[in-house]
Amino acid sequence: MLPINHMKQALKNGQPVYGTMLVESASTAYVVMLAHAGYDFICIDMEHGVYDLGEVAGMIRVARLAGLTPLVRIPDLAYDLVARTLDAGAMGIMLPRVETVEQAQTLVRYIKYPPEGVRGAAAGRGHTDYRSVGPRDLVRHMNEHTLVVVQIERVEAVQRADDLFAVPGVDVGLIGPFDLTISLGAASMTDPEVEAAIEQVLAAAQRAGIRCGIHSNDPQQVAKWKQRGMTMLMSGSDAQFFSSGARRTLSIMRQDESAPVADDGAV
C-alpha cells in the first residue's frame, strides 16, 4: 500500500502542520532528530541549500521511514527537477519566486500524471517505497497525495494572488517574508507594508479555499500568523538551529568569566 501524505490531509482538514528547512546538513541522523522532536515535515532546500540529488534522495528516504513528510524546494521551474525529486520520494514540491499564472499552471502539470498533467511514470522507485504498483493506482494516489506549494515572495505575486491561487491543483501559498520585504523596499519584515501584503495573500488564499503558510526564522512571527489563520508553519533551519544553539551554549559557559576562578588543584 502506498503511503498517505498525512501533511496534505491535515492541511485539507484545516489543521496546522509544523516544519523546518534543511539547507546545510545532509546527515540523515539530523532528519531522525527532527522526527523525534515532533515536526510534521521537512523542506529540503535545493534553491539556497548545498545539496545534490543523491543527498536529497537519502534524506527523503529516511524522512519517510521516520514519519516525516519530505518536501523539496526546487531552485527553478524545470521538469527534470520536479520529476526526479518526486521519483526519489518527495511528497511535495515548493516552487520559489512564483509570479505568474503560467508558472503555477506549469508546476501543477509537471507534478501531476495524465490526464491532469504531463509527469512521466516510473514505479519501483522512492515514491513507491520501491514497491511495484499498477499504473491506475500510481496515477490516482500520486495525483491525490502530492502537495503543490507556490511561494509568494515578490510584489507582483501579491498583486496576482487571487489568480495564482485559482489555478487548479495548487494546495498552498507560502509566503517568503524576507524576499517579500526586499521586494517592497522595506527595512524590516515587521514593517506595516510587509504585514499588509502578507494579510493580502492570506485573504486571497482563504477566498480560493486553499491553505496559506509562512517560513520565518522568528518562531514568534510564525505563531502570530498561525493565530490569524495560516496552517503551513515553518521556522528556522538546520544552520540556524546549530548557530543559535552554539551561541547560547557558549554564552552560558562564559557567563561567570568575570568572577575569580577558584584553584582547587584539579588538572
Protein backbone atom coordinates (compact mmCIF):
# COMPACT_ATOMS: atom_id res chain seq x y z
CA MET A 1 0.00 0.00 0.00
CA LEU A 2 1.36 3.42 -0.95
CA PRO A 3 1.90 5.84 1.96
CA ILE A 4 -0.63 8.55 2.69
CA ASN A 5 0.56 12.14 2.75
CA HIS A 6 -0.58 12.96 6.28
CA MET A 7 0.58 16.55 5.92
CA LYS A 8 -1.65 17.16 2.93
CA GLN A 9 -4.58 15.51 4.70
CA ALA A 10 -4.08 17.69 7.78
CA LEU A 11 -3.95 20.84 5.67
CA LYS A 12 -7.13 19.85 3.84
CA ASN A 13 -8.81 19.49 7.23
CA GLY A 14 -7.64 22.94 8.29
CA GLN A 15 -5.16 21.61 10.84
CA PRO A 16 -1.77 23.27 11.39
CA VAL A 17 1.41 21.47 10.38
CA TYR A 18 4.89 22.35 11.61
CA GLY A 19 8.16 22.11 9.72
CA THR A 20 11.61 23.49 9.16
CA MET A 21 14.12 23.90 6.34
CA LEU A 22 17.29 21.92 5.69
CA VAL A 23 20.00 23.93 3.95
CA GLU A 24 23.42 22.66 5.09
CA SER A 25 23.40 19.27 6.79
CA ALA A 26 22.95 16.15 4.69
CA SER A 27 23.03 13.98 7.81
CA THR A 28 20.17 11.52 7.89
CA ALA A 29 20.62 11.41 11.68
CA TYR A 30 19.53 15.05 11.74
CA VAL A 31 16.35 14.08 9.88
CA VAL A 32 15.58 11.46 12.54
CA MET A 33 16.23 14.01 15.31
CA LEU A 34 13.67 16.35 13.78
CA ALA A 35 11.15 13.50 13.67
CA HIS A 36 11.80 12.75 17.35
CA ALA A 37 11.40 16.46 18.14
CA GLY A 38 7.84 16.24 16.80
CA TYR A 39 7.98 18.04 13.48
CA ASP A 40 5.41 17.11 10.84
CA PHE A 41 7.53 17.84 7.77
CA ILE A 42 10.89 18.97 6.48
CA CYS A 43 11.62 21.04 3.41
CA ILE A 44 14.94 20.22 1.76
CA ASP A 45 16.19 23.37 0.10
CA MET A 46 17.73 23.00 -3.34
CA GLU A 47 17.41 26.72 -4.04
CA HIS A 48 19.80 28.05 -1.39
CA GLY A 49 20.97 24.74 0.05
CA VAL A 50 24.18 22.87 -0.76
CA TYR A 51 22.65 19.55 -1.82
CA ASP A 52 22.91 17.34 -4.86
CA LEU A 53 20.14 14.94 -5.82
CA GLY A 54 21.82 11.92 -4.25
CA GLU A 55 21.96 13.63 -0.86
CA VAL A 56 18.37 14.77 -1.21
CA ALA A 57 17.22 11.24 -2.06
CA GLY A 58 18.93 9.85 1.04
CA MET A 59 17.28 12.39 3.34
CA ILE A 60 13.91 11.78 1.71
CA ARG A 61 14.15 8.02 2.30
CA VAL A 62 14.94 8.47 5.98
CA ALA A 63 12.23 11.09 6.43
CA ARG A 64 9.62 8.71 5.02
CA LEU A 65 10.80 5.92 7.32
CA ALA A 66 10.80 8.28 10.32
CA GLY A 67 7.26 9.51 9.67
CA LEU A 68 8.18 13.00 8.42
CA THR A 69 6.64 14.33 5.23
CA PRO A 70 9.54 15.29 2.94
CA LEU A 71 9.13 18.33 0.71
CA VAL A 72 11.72 19.76 -1.66
CA ARG A 73 12.13 23.39 -2.66
CA ILE A 74 13.47 23.24 -6.20
CA PRO A 75 15.62 26.15 -7.44
CA ASP A 76 13.71 26.78 -10.65
CA LEU A 77 10.79 25.58 -12.72
CA ALA A 78 12.33 22.71 -14.67
CA TYR A 79 10.64 19.39 -15.45
CA ASP A 80 13.68 17.26 -14.60
CA LEU A 81 13.99 18.81 -11.14
CA VAL A 82 10.32 18.17 -10.40
CA ALA A 83 10.19 14.63 -11.78
CA ARG A 84 13.47 13.38 -10.31
CA THR A 85 12.82 14.69 -6.81
CA LEU A 86 9.30 13.25 -6.84
CA ASP A 87 10.56 9.89 -8.10
CA ALA A 88 13.09 9.98 -5.25
CA GLY A 89 10.14 10.11 -2.87
CA ALA A 90 9.43 13.78 -2.17
CA MET A 91 5.79 14.11 -1.16
CA GLY A 92 5.53 17.71 -2.24
CA ILE A 93 7.28 20.39 -4.26
CA MET A 94 7.73 24.04 -3.34
CA LEU A 95 8.49 26.47 -6.16
CA PRO A 96 10.08 29.81 -5.17
CA ARG A 97 9.55 33.19 -6.83
CA VAL A 98 6.18 32.39 -8.37
CA GLU A 99 4.77 35.49 -10.04
CA THR A 100 2.56 34.33 -12.94
CA VAL A 101 -0.39 32.06 -13.51
CA GLU A 102 1.63 30.31 -16.22
CA GLN A 103 4.30 29.34 -13.67
CA ALA A 104 1.70 27.90 -11.32
CA GLN A 105 -0.03 26.01 -14.11
CA THR A 106 3.24 24.57 -15.38
CA LEU A 107 4.24 23.45 -11.88
CA VAL A 108 0.96 21.57 -11.49
CA ARG A 109 1.36 19.98 -14.94
CA TYR A 110 4.88 18.79 -14.10
CA ILE A 111 3.78 17.33 -10.76
CA LYS A 112 0.61 15.56 -11.89
CA TYR A 113 0.32 12.45 -14.02
CA PRO A 114 -2.04 12.48 -17.05
CA PRO A 115 -4.77 13.47 -17.56
CA GLU A 116 -4.13 16.27 -15.02
CA GLY A 117 -0.50 16.79 -16.03
CA VAL A 118 2.45 15.52 -18.03
CA ARG A 119 4.62 13.75 -15.45
CA GLY A 120 6.30 10.64 -16.83
CA ALA A 121 5.64 7.43 -14.94
CA ALA A 122 8.09 5.14 -13.18
CA ALA A 123 7.40 2.59 -10.47
CA GLY A 124 9.52 0.68 -8.02
CA ARG A 125 11.37 3.87 -7.03
CA GLY A 126 11.50 6.03 -3.92
CA HIS A 127 7.99 7.43 -4.38
CA THR A 128 6.52 3.93 -4.14
CA ASP A 129 8.96 2.85 -1.39
CA TYR A 130 10.49 0.56 -4.03
CA ARG A 131 7.28 -1.44 -4.35
CA SER A 132 5.69 -2.43 -7.63
CA VAL A 133 2.42 -0.66 -8.34
CA GLY A 134 0.00 -0.65 -11.24
CA PRO A 135 -0.49 2.41 -13.45
CA ARG A 136 -4.01 3.29 -12.30
CA ASP A 137 -3.13 3.07 -8.61
CA LEU A 138 0.06 5.07 -9.19
CA VAL A 139 -1.73 7.89 -11.00
CA ARG A 140 -4.66 8.06 -8.59
CA HIS A 141 -2.52 8.00 -5.46
CA MET A 142 0.22 10.40 -6.51
CA ASN A 143 -2.15 12.94 -8.05
CA GLU A 144 -4.14 12.94 -4.81
CA HIS A 145 -1.29 12.91 -2.27
CA THR A 146 1.47 15.09 -3.75
CA LEU A 147 1.49 18.59 -2.28
CA VAL A 148 1.82 21.62 -4.58
CA VAL A 149 3.23 24.73 -2.88
CA VAL A 150 3.76 28.06 -4.63
CA GLN A 151 5.97 30.53 -2.81
CA ILE A 152 4.91 34.17 -2.73
CA GLU A 153 8.00 36.39 -2.47
CA ARG A 154 7.51 39.39 -4.78
CA VAL A 155 5.15 42.35 -5.00
CA GLU A 156 3.90 41.07 -8.37
CA ALA A 157 2.87 37.77 -6.76
CA VAL A 158 0.95 39.57 -4.02
CA GLN A 159 -0.91 41.58 -6.64
CA ARG A 160 -1.79 38.41 -8.57
CA ALA A 161 -2.50 36.20 -5.55
CA ASP A 162 -6.18 35.66 -6.41
CA ASP A 163 -5.27 34.45 -9.90
CA LEU A 164 -2.36 32.31 -8.69
CA PHE A 165 -4.47 30.57 -6.05
CA ALA A 166 -7.30 29.94 -8.51
CA VAL A 167 -5.06 27.58 -10.52
CA PRO A 168 -6.47 24.04 -10.12
CA GLY A 169 -4.07 21.79 -8.24
CA VAL A 170 -2.35 24.46 -6.13
CA ASP A 171 -2.63 23.43 -2.48
CA VAL A 172 -0.69 26.07 -0.54
CA GLY A 173 0.51 29.62 -0.97
CA LEU A 174 3.57 30.01 1.25
CA ILE A 175 4.98 33.45 1.97
CA GLY A 176 8.72 34.12 1.99
CA PRO A 177 8.74 37.26 4.15
CA PHE A 178 12.44 38.09 3.75
CA ASP A 179 12.30 38.27 -0.05
CA LEU A 180 8.94 40.00 0.15
CA THR A 181 10.45 42.65 2.42
CA ILE A 182 13.23 43.24 -0.12
CA SER A 183 10.73 43.40 -2.99
CA LEU A 184 8.70 46.02 -1.12
CA GLY A 185 11.81 48.05 -0.32
CA ALA A 186 11.01 47.82 3.40
CA ALA A 187 13.55 47.86 6.22
CA SER A 188 12.06 45.08 8.35
CA MET A 189 9.79 42.07 7.97
CA THR A 190 7.54 43.62 10.63
CA ASP A 191 7.07 46.92 8.77
CA PRO A 192 3.40 47.80 8.18
CA GLU A 193 3.60 47.47 4.39
CA VAL A 194 5.02 43.95 4.70
CA GLU A 195 2.32 42.91 7.16
CA ALA A 196 -0.34 44.40 4.88
CA ALA A 197 1.00 42.41 1.91
CA ILE A 198 1.01 39.20 3.94
CA GLU A 199 -2.57 39.86 5.04
CA GLN A 200 -3.50 40.35 1.39
CA VAL A 201 -2.04 36.96 0.46
CA LEU A 202 -3.74 35.23 3.38
CA ALA A 203 -7.10 36.73 2.40
CA ALA A 204 -6.63 35.60 -1.21
CA ALA A 205 -5.86 32.04 -0.08
CA GLN A 206 -8.97 32.00 2.10
CA ARG A 207 -11.11 33.24 -0.79
CA ALA A 208 -9.70 30.50 -3.04
CA GLY A 209 -10.20 27.77 -0.44
CA ILE A 210 -6.53 26.81 -0.31
CA ARG A 211 -4.11 26.93 2.61
CA CYS A 212 -1.64 29.65 3.43
CA GLY A 213 1.70 29.39 5.20
CA ILE A 214 4.87 31.23 6.09
CA HIS A 215 8.55 30.47 6.73
CA SER A 216 10.39 32.77 9.11
CA ASN A 217 13.43 32.38 11.33
CA ASP A 218 11.39 34.05 14.08
CA PRO A 219 9.00 31.47 15.58
CA GLN A 220 7.05 34.23 17.33
CA GLN A 221 6.17 35.70 13.95
CA VAL A 222 5.07 32.29 12.71
CA ALA A 223 2.92 31.82 15.82
CA LYS A 224 1.33 35.22 15.22
CA TRP A 225 0.33 34.30 11.67
CA LYS A 226 -0.98 30.96 12.88
CA GLN A 227 -3.41 32.89 15.09
CA ARG A 228 -4.53 34.79 12.01
CA GLY A 229 -5.32 31.61 10.08
CA MET A 230 -2.15 30.24 8.50
CA THR A 231 -1.67 26.48 8.75
CA MET A 232 1.61 25.57 6.96
CA LEU A 233 4.03 26.80 9.58
CA MET A 234 7.81 26.78 9.10
CA SER A 235 10.54 28.28 11.21
CA GLY A 236 14.32 28.16 11.15
CA SER A 237 16.73 25.78 9.51
CA ASP A 238 19.45 23.34 10.45
CA ALA A 239 22.00 26.15 10.06
CA GLN A 240 20.04 28.47 12.33
CA PHE A 241 19.46 25.77 14.95
CA PHE A 242 23.18 24.97 15.08
CA SER A 243 24.28 28.61 15.20
CA SER A 244 21.76 29.71 17.83
CA GLY A 245 22.35 26.61 19.95
CA ALA A 246 26.11 27.03 19.75
CA ARG A 247 25.92 30.70 20.74
CA ARG A 248 23.54 30.01 23.62
CA THR A 249 25.69 27.19 24.99
CA LEU A 250 28.87 29.24 24.77
CA SER A 251 27.17 32.20 26.41
CA ILE A 252 26.11 30.04 29.36
CA MET A 253 29.62 28.63 29.77
CA ARG A 254 31.12 32.14 29.69
CA GLN A 255 28.60 33.89 31.91
CA ASP A 256 30.78 33.91 35.05
CA GLU A 257 34.12 34.70 33.42
CA SER A 258 34.40 38.00 35.28
CA ALA A 259 34.31 36.19 38.62
CA PRO A 260 37.52 34.90 40.25
CA VAL A 261 38.26 31.25 39.40
CA ALA A 262 38.98 29.08 42.41
CA ASP A 263 42.07 26.88 42.16
CA ASP A 264 41.12 23.53 43.63
CA GLY A 265 44.21 21.77 42.35
CA ALA A 266 42.33 19.83 39.67
CA VAL A 267 44.19 19.13 36.46
